[in-house]
């Protein structure tokens, strides 16, 4: 059995034991079925070894949280399960951080703050916000521009949550030929606008 699969199986059993300990009830059917067939819910993330890519770190902790919500893992137990999944540099980071923390009172929200502070610090977030605000398509393909735009929206929620501002910022970022074609369509949703940008780009290539 591969190390990743072993980790997932152990994590599943940990979640099942925690469920029984706190609720005093049999395992949910999905947990019983998963254990019986040697499977785990597809959302279960692999362990993290520490990374210089902030998006990998944030994606991992977000996946971890989704998995805990799926299994209905309680707040304190989320921390213990996550610590178990830390590897290499990430494990060493936690060993150092744990010396100055009260492990009996730390919350899951606080753990996420510490993790983000280490692997996705405020200065990096600030730089990504600035990059998003000045994002222009330039020589990027439409697909690459949309990928960068979607990722950047995560760091500027005031735009991401305002449909009109989001459309305006996306439109302003398109290169002039696409900007004109998409603007003329007077679209009302982001999905329609991205689809229109793809179509306009294909017309330009023909």
C-alpha atoms as a PDB file:
ATOM      1  CA  UNK A   1       0.000   0.000   0.000  1.00  0.00           C
ATOM      2  CA  UNK A   2       1.371   3.419  -0.960  1.00  0.00           C
ATOM      3  CA  UNK A   3       2.223   5.972   1.786  1.00  0.00           C
ATOM      4  CA  UNK A   4      -0.495   8.317   0.521  1.00  0.00           C
ATOM      5  CA  UNK A   5      -3.117   5.571   0.629  1.00  0.00           C
ATOM      6  CA  UNK A   6      -1.951   4.530   4.101  1.00  0.00           C
ATOM      7  CA  UNK A   7      -2.310   8.123   5.301  1.00  0.00           C
ATOM      8  CA  UNK A   8      -5.816   8.328   3.912  1.00  0.00           C
ATOM      9  CA  UNK A   9      -6.877   5.049   5.513  1.00  0.00           C
ATOM     10  CA  UNK A  10      -5.489   6.076   8.900  1.00  0.00           C
ATOM     11  CA  UNK A  11      -7.119   9.479   8.627  1.00  0.00           C
ATOM     12  CA  UNK A  12     -10.434   7.811   7.820  1.00  0.00           C
ATOM     13  CA  UNK A  13     -10.160   5.554  10.878  1.00  0.00           C
ATOM     14  CA  UNK A  14      -9.228   8.546  13.029  1.00  0.00           C
ATOM     15  CA  UNK A  15     -12.304  10.402  11.806  1.00  0.00           C
ATOM     16  CA  UNK A  16     -14.471   7.352  12.514  1.00  0.00           C
ATOM     17  CA  UNK A  17     -13.081   6.968  16.020  1.00  0.00           C
ATOM     18  CA  UNK A  18     -13.627  10.652  16.747  1.00  0.00           C
ATOM     19  CA  UNK A  19     -17.201  10.427  15.481  1.00  0.00           C
ATOM     20  CA  UNK A  20     -17.949   7.495  17.771  1.00  0.00           C
ATOM     21  CA  UNK A  21     -16.170   9.074  20.757  1.00  0.00           C
ATOM     22  CA  UNK A  22     -18.078  12.344  20.569  1.00  0.00           C
ATOM     23  CA  UNK A  23     -21.468  11.110  19.403  1.00  0.00           C
ATOM     24  CA  UNK A  24     -21.678   7.660  20.960  1.00  0.00           C
ATOM     25  CA  UNK A  25     -23.350   6.417  17.776  1.00  0.00           C
ATOM     26  CA  UNK A  26     -22.337   3.910  15.090  1.00  0.00           C
ATOM     27  CA  UNK A  27     -20.285   5.157  12.161  1.00  0.00           C
ATOM     28  CA  UNK A  28     -22.241   6.862   9.395  1.00  0.00           C
ATOM     29  CA  UNK A  29     -22.950   4.536   6.480  1.00  0.00           C
ATOM     30  CA  UNK A  30     -20.502   6.308   4.170  1.00  0.00           C
ATOM     31  CA  UNK A  31     -17.697   5.749   6.696  1.00  0.00           C
ATOM     32  CA  UNK A  32     -18.585   2.083   7.194  1.00  0.00           C
ATOM     33  CA  UNK A  33     -18.722   1.542   3.438  1.00  0.00           C
ATOM     34  CA  UNK A  34     -15.458   3.394   2.880  1.00  0.00           C
ATOM     35  CA  UNK A  35     -13.615   1.341   5.470  1.00  0.00           C
ATOM     36  CA  UNK A  36     -15.126  -1.939   4.282  1.00  0.00           C
ATOM     37  CA  UNK A  37     -14.033  -1.330   0.704  1.00  0.00           C
ATOM     38  CA  UNK A  38     -10.695   0.284   1.484  1.00  0.00           C
ATOM     39  CA  UNK A  39     -11.826   3.607   0.065  1.00  0.00           C
ATOM     40  CA  UNK A  40     -12.012   7.132   1.403  1.00  0.00           C
ATOM     41  CA  UNK A  41     -14.052  10.167   0.399  1.00  0.00           C
ATOM     42  CA  UNK A  42     -12.533  11.724  -2.688  1.00  0.00           C
ATOM     43  CA  UNK A  43     -11.985  15.068  -0.943  1.00  0.00           C
ATOM     44  CA  UNK A  44      -9.351  13.636   1.399  1.00  0.00           C
ATOM     45  CA  UNK A  45      -6.123  15.602   0.827  1.00  0.00           C
ATOM     46  CA  UNK A  46      -2.636  14.152   0.917  1.00  0.00           C
ATOM     47  CA  UNK A  47      -0.198  15.203   3.600  1.00  0.00           C
ATOM     48  CA  UNK A  48       1.648  18.484   3.093  1.00  0.00           C
ATOM     49  CA  UNK A  49       5.445  18.714   3.269  1.00  0.00           C
ATOM     50  CA  UNK A  50       5.879  22.465   3.289  1.00  0.00           C
ATOM     51  CA  UNK A  51       6.044  24.489   0.109  1.00  0.00           C
ATOM     52  CA  UNK A  52       7.246  27.775  -1.310  1.00  0.00           C
ATOM     53  CA  UNK A  53       4.099  28.002  -3.461  1.00  0.00           C
ATOM     54  CA  UNK A  54       1.431  29.815  -1.414  1.00  0.00           C
ATOM     55  CA  UNK A  55      -1.368  28.552  -3.656  1.00  0.00           C
ATOM     56  CA  UNK A  56      -0.444  24.948  -2.940  1.00  0.00           C
ATOM     57  CA  UNK A  57      -0.435  25.648   0.796  1.00  0.00           C
ATOM     58  CA  UNK A  58      -3.762  27.445   0.765  1.00  0.00           C
ATOM     59  CA  UNK A  59      -5.325  24.856  -1.522  1.00  0.00           C
ATOM     60  CA  UNK A  60      -4.213  22.093   0.833  1.00  0.00           C
ATOM     61  CA  UNK A  61      -5.666  23.675   3.986  1.00  0.00           C
ATOM     62  CA  UNK A  62      -8.893  24.436   2.100  1.00  0.00           C
ATOM     63  CA  UNK A  63      -9.128  20.806   0.955  1.00  0.00           C
ATOM     64  CA  UNK A  64      -8.464  19.673   4.502  1.00  0.00           C
ATOM     65  CA  UNK A  65     -11.334  21.818   5.763  1.00  0.00           C
ATOM     66  CA  UNK A  66     -13.751  20.530   3.144  1.00  0.00           C
ATOM     67  CA  UNK A  67     -12.865  16.989   4.132  1.00  0.00           C
ATOM     68  CA  UNK A  68     -13.509  17.738   7.814  1.00  0.00           C
ATOM     69  CA  UNK A  69     -16.857  19.308   7.017  1.00  0.00           C
ATOM     70  CA  UNK A  70     -17.781  16.250   4.962  1.00  0.00           C
ATOM     71  CA  UNK A  71     -16.933  13.962   7.894  1.00  0.00           C
ATOM     72  CA  UNK A  72     -18.410  16.371  10.474  1.00  0.00           C
ATOM     73  CA  UNK A  73     -15.142  16.434  12.438  1.00  0.00           C
ATOM     74  CA  UNK A  74     -15.227  18.685  15.493  1.00  0.00           C
ATOM     75  CA  UNK A  75     -13.054  21.787  15.800  1.00  0.00           C
ATOM     76  CA  UNK A  76     -10.361  20.492  18.135  1.00  0.00           C
ATOM     77  CA  UNK A  77     -10.098  17.176  16.336  1.00  0.00           C
ATOM     78  CA  UNK A  78      -9.481  18.980  13.060  1.00  0.00           C
ATOM     79  CA  UNK A  79      -6.230  20.287  14.502  1.00  0.00           C
ATOM     80  CA  UNK A  80      -5.065  16.858  15.670  1.00  0.00           C
ATOM     81  CA  UNK A  81      -5.876  15.249  12.314  1.00  0.00           C
ATOM     82  CA  UNK A  82      -4.127  18.050  10.416  1.00  0.00           C
ATOM     83  CA  UNK A  83      -1.007  17.829  12.577  1.00  0.00           C
ATOM     84  CA  UNK A  84      -0.858  14.129  11.740  1.00  0.00           C
ATOM     85  CA  UNK A  85      -0.873  14.999   8.024  1.00  0.00           C
ATOM     86  CA  UNK A  86       2.067  17.446   8.259  1.00  0.00           C
ATOM     87  CA  UNK A  87       5.303  16.153   6.738  1.00  0.00           C
ATOM     88  CA  UNK A  88       8.968  17.194   6.560  1.00  0.00           C
ATOM     89  CA  UNK A  89       9.331  21.012   6.670  1.00  0.00           C
ATOM     90  CA  UNK A  90       5.693  21.494   7.617  1.00  0.00           C
ATOM     91  CA  UNK A  91       6.085  19.091  10.537  1.00  0.00           C
ATOM     92  CA  UNK A  92       9.217  20.909  11.711  1.00  0.00           C
ATOM     93  CA  UNK A  93       7.376  24.236  11.479  1.00  0.00           C
ATOM     94  CA  UNK A  94       4.615  22.927  13.709  1.00  0.00           C
ATOM     95  CA  UNK A  95       7.022  21.483  16.266  1.00  0.00           C
ATOM     96  CA  UNK A  96       8.517  24.945  16.695  1.00  0.00           C
ATOM     97  CA  UNK A  97       5.155  26.732  16.750  1.00  0.00           C
ATOM     98  CA  UNK A  98       3.673  24.317  19.269  1.00  0.00           C
ATOM     99  CA  UNK A  99       6.223  25.319  21.927  1.00  0.00           C
ATOM    100  CA  UNK A 100       4.657  28.774  22.280  1.00  0.00           C
ATOM    101  CA  UNK A 101       0.987  27.778  22.001  1.00  0.00           C
ATOM    102  CA  UNK A 102      -1.585  26.501  24.451  1.00  0.00           C
ATOM    103  CA  UNK A 103      -2.612  23.368  22.615  1.00  0.00           C
ATOM    104  CA  UNK A 104      -5.548  22.857  24.968  1.00  0.00           C
ATOM    105  CA  UNK A 105      -7.259  26.067  23.847  1.00  0.00           C
ATOM    106  CA  UNK A 106      -6.123  26.675  20.256  1.00  0.00           C
ATOM    107  CA  UNK A 107      -9.015  26.767  17.803  1.00  0.00           C
ATOM    108  CA  UNK A 108      -9.160  25.530  14.237  1.00  0.00           C
ATOM    109  CA  UNK A 109      -9.534  29.149  13.052  1.00  0.00           C
ATOM    110  CA  UNK A 110      -6.352  30.091  14.912  1.00  0.00           C
ATOM    111  CA  UNK A 111      -4.487  27.105  13.485  1.00  0.00           C
ATOM    112  CA  UNK A 112      -5.458  28.187   9.969  1.00  0.00           C
ATOM    113  CA  UNK A 113      -4.209  31.718  10.715  1.00  0.00           C
ATOM    114  CA  UNK A 114      -0.856  30.340  11.848  1.00  0.00           C
ATOM    115  CA  UNK A 115      -0.589  28.046   8.840  1.00  0.00           C
ATOM    116  CA  UNK A 116      -1.442  30.868   6.424  1.00  0.00           C
ATOM    117  CA  UNK A 117       0.961  33.203   8.212  1.00  0.00           C
ATOM    118  CA  UNK A 118       3.754  30.728   7.567  1.00  0.00           C
ATOM    119  CA  UNK A 119       2.942  29.623   4.027  1.00  0.00           C
ATOM    120  CA  UNK A 120       0.810  32.496   2.698  1.00  0.00           C
ATOM    121  CA  UNK A 121       1.999  35.636   4.556  1.00  0.00           C
ATOM    122  CA  UNK A 122       0.348  39.052   4.388  1.00  0.00           C
ATOM    123  CA  UNK A 123       2.996  40.576   2.117  1.00  0.00           C
ATOM    124  CA  UNK A 124       2.397  37.842  -0.472  1.00  0.00           C
ATOM    125  CA  UNK A 125      -1.361  38.387  -0.290  1.00  0.00           C
ATOM    126  CA  UNK A 126      -0.828  42.116  -0.719  1.00  0.00           C
ATOM    127  CA  UNK A 127       1.356  41.583  -3.773  1.00  0.00           C
ATOM    128  CA  UNK A 128      -1.244  39.272  -5.325  1.00  0.00           C
ATOM    129  CA  UNK A 129      -3.988  41.843  -4.708  1.00  0.00           C
ATOM    130  CA  UNK A 130      -1.916  44.512  -6.454  1.00  0.00           C
ATOM    131  CA  UNK A 131      -1.193  42.177  -9.358  1.00  0.00           C
ATOM    132  CA  UNK A 132      -4.884  41.446  -9.724  1.00  0.00           C
ATOM    133  CA  UNK A 133      -5.875  45.103  -9.721  1.00  0.00           C
ATOM    134  CA  UNK A 134      -3.450  45.757 -12.599  1.00  0.00           C
ATOM    135  CA  UNK A 135      -4.097  42.456 -14.418  1.00  0.00           C
ATOM    136  CA  UNK A 136      -4.210  42.794 -18.204  1.00  0.00           C
ATOM    137  CA  UNK A 137      -4.420  40.052 -20.798  1.00  0.00           C
ATOM    138  CA  UNK A 138      -1.549  41.240 -22.948  1.00  0.00           C
ATOM    139  CA  UNK A 139      -0.010  38.193 -24.632  1.00  0.00           C
ATOM    140  CA  UNK A 140      -1.873  35.722 -22.433  1.00  0.00           C
ATOM    141  CA  UNK A 141      -4.355  33.332 -23.977  1.00  0.00           C
ATOM    142  CA  UNK A 142      -7.977  33.815 -22.957  1.00  0.00           C
ATOM    143  CA  UNK A 143      -7.821  30.623 -20.889  1.00  0.00           C
ATOM    144  CA  UNK A 144      -4.699  31.779 -19.038  1.00  0.00           C
ATOM    145  CA  UNK A 145      -6.145  35.249 -18.456  1.00  0.00           C
ATOM    146  CA  UNK A 146      -9.340  33.763 -17.020  1.00  0.00           C
ATOM    147  CA  UNK A 147      -7.313  31.439 -14.786  1.00  0.00           C
ATOM    148  CA  UNK A 148      -5.317  34.369 -13.400  1.00  0.00           C
ATOM    149  CA  UNK A 149      -8.464  36.471 -13.045  1.00  0.00           C
ATOM    150  CA  UNK A 150     -10.346  33.751 -11.140  1.00  0.00           C
ATOM    151  CA  UNK A 151      -7.393  33.183  -8.837  1.00  0.00           C
ATOM    152  CA  UNK A 152      -6.948  36.902  -8.234  1.00  0.00           C
ATOM    153  CA  UNK A 153     -10.629  37.365  -7.354  1.00  0.00           C
ATOM    154  CA  UNK A 154      -9.982  35.306  -4.246  1.00  0.00           C
ATOM    155  CA  UNK A 155      -7.760  38.076  -2.868  1.00  0.00           C
ATOM    156  CA  UNK A 156     -10.035  41.011  -3.700  1.00  0.00           C
ATOM    157  CA  UNK A 157     -13.446  39.986  -2.331  1.00  0.00           C
ATOM    158  CA  UNK A 158     -14.894  43.493  -2.779  1.00  0.00           C
ATOM    159  CA  UNK A 159     -14.687  42.935  -6.530  1.00  0.00           C
ATOM    160  CA  UNK A 160     -15.438  39.215  -6.461  1.00  0.00           C
ATOM    161  CA  UNK A 161     -18.695  39.792  -4.553  1.00  0.00           C
ATOM    162  CA  UNK A 162     -19.870  42.712  -6.692  1.00  0.00           C
ATOM    163  CA  UNK A 163     -21.096  41.341 -10.017  1.00  0.00           C
ATOM    164  CA  UNK A 164     -20.912  44.688 -11.832  1.00  0.00           C
ATOM    165  CA  UNK A 165     -17.386  45.471 -10.629  1.00  0.00           C
ATOM    166  CA  UNK A 166     -16.233  41.956 -11.477  1.00  0.00           C
ATOM    167  CA  UNK A 167     -17.564  42.223 -15.036  1.00  0.00           C
ATOM    168  CA  UNK A 168     -16.046  45.680 -15.476  1.00  0.00           C
ATOM    169  CA  UNK A 169     -12.640  44.595 -14.203  1.00  0.00           C
ATOM    170  CA  UNK A 170     -12.640  41.514 -16.428  1.00  0.00           C
ATOM    171  CA  UNK A 171     -13.687  43.529 -19.453  1.00  0.00           C
ATOM    172  CA  UNK A 172     -11.057  46.202 -18.814  1.00  0.00           C
ATOM    173  CA  UNK A 173      -8.380  43.521 -18.643  1.00  0.00           C
ATOM    174  CA  UNK A 174      -9.101  42.020 -22.072  1.00  0.00           C
ATOM    175  CA  UNK A 175      -6.912  43.068 -24.964  1.00  0.00           C
ATOM    176  CA  UNK A 176      -8.519  45.787 -27.144  1.00  0.00           C
ATOM    177  CA  UNK A 177      -9.844  43.566 -29.953  1.00  0.00           C
ATOM    178  CA  UNK A 178     -11.620  41.222 -27.536  1.00  0.00           C
ATOM    179  CA  UNK A 179     -12.710  44.072 -25.262  1.00  0.00           C
ATOM    180  CA  UNK A 180     -14.635  45.687 -28.131  1.00  0.00           C
ATOM    181  CA  UNK A 181     -16.369  42.479 -29.241  1.00  0.00           C
ATOM    182  CA  UNK A 182     -17.334  41.403 -25.737  1.00  0.00           C
ATOM    183  CA  UNK A 183     -18.497  44.867 -24.677  1.00  0.00           C
ATOM    184  CA  UNK A 184     -20.885  45.083 -27.648  1.00  0.00           C
ATOM    185  CA  UNK A 185     -22.716  41.983 -26.396  1.00  0.00           C
ATOM    186  CA  UNK A 186     -23.803  43.764 -23.174  1.00  0.00           C
ATOM    187  CA  UNK A 187     -23.650  40.550 -21.141  1.00  0.00           C
ATOM    188  CA  UNK A 188     -25.019  40.347 -17.608  1.00  0.00           C
ATOM    189  CA  UNK A 189     -23.101  37.416 -16.096  1.00  0.00           C
ATOM    190  CA  UNK A 190     -19.451  36.478 -15.666  1.00  0.00           C
ATOM    191  CA  UNK A 191     -19.957  33.012 -17.193  1.00  0.00           C
ATOM    192  CA  UNK A 192     -21.532  34.560 -20.294  1.00  0.00           C
ATOM    193  CA  UNK A 193     -18.696  37.044 -20.566  1.00  0.00           C
ATOM    194  CA  UNK A 194     -15.940  34.423 -20.346  1.00  0.00           C
ATOM    195  CA  UNK A 195     -17.722  32.258 -22.925  1.00  0.00           C
ATOM    196  CA  UNK A 196     -18.054  35.278 -25.208  1.00  0.00           C
ATOM    197  CA  UNK A 197     -14.337  36.052 -24.786  1.00  0.00           C
ATOM    198  CA  UNK A 198     -13.467  32.527 -25.927  1.00  0.00           C
ATOM    199  CA  UNK A 199     -15.742  32.865 -28.960  1.00  0.00           C
ATOM    200  CA  UNK A 200     -14.368  36.286 -29.883  1.00  0.00           C
ATOM    201  CA  UNK A 201     -10.820  34.958 -29.582  1.00  0.00           C
ATOM    202  CA  UNK A 202     -11.597  32.066 -31.919  1.00  0.00           C
ATOM    203  CA  UNK A 203     -13.079  34.473 -34.472  1.00  0.00           C
ATOM    204  CA  UNK A 204      -9.893  36.559 -34.332  1.00  0.00           C
ATOM    205  CA  UNK A 205      -7.799  33.482 -35.054  1.00  0.00           C
ATOM    206  CA  UNK A 206      -9.765  32.505 -38.166  1.00  0.00           C
END
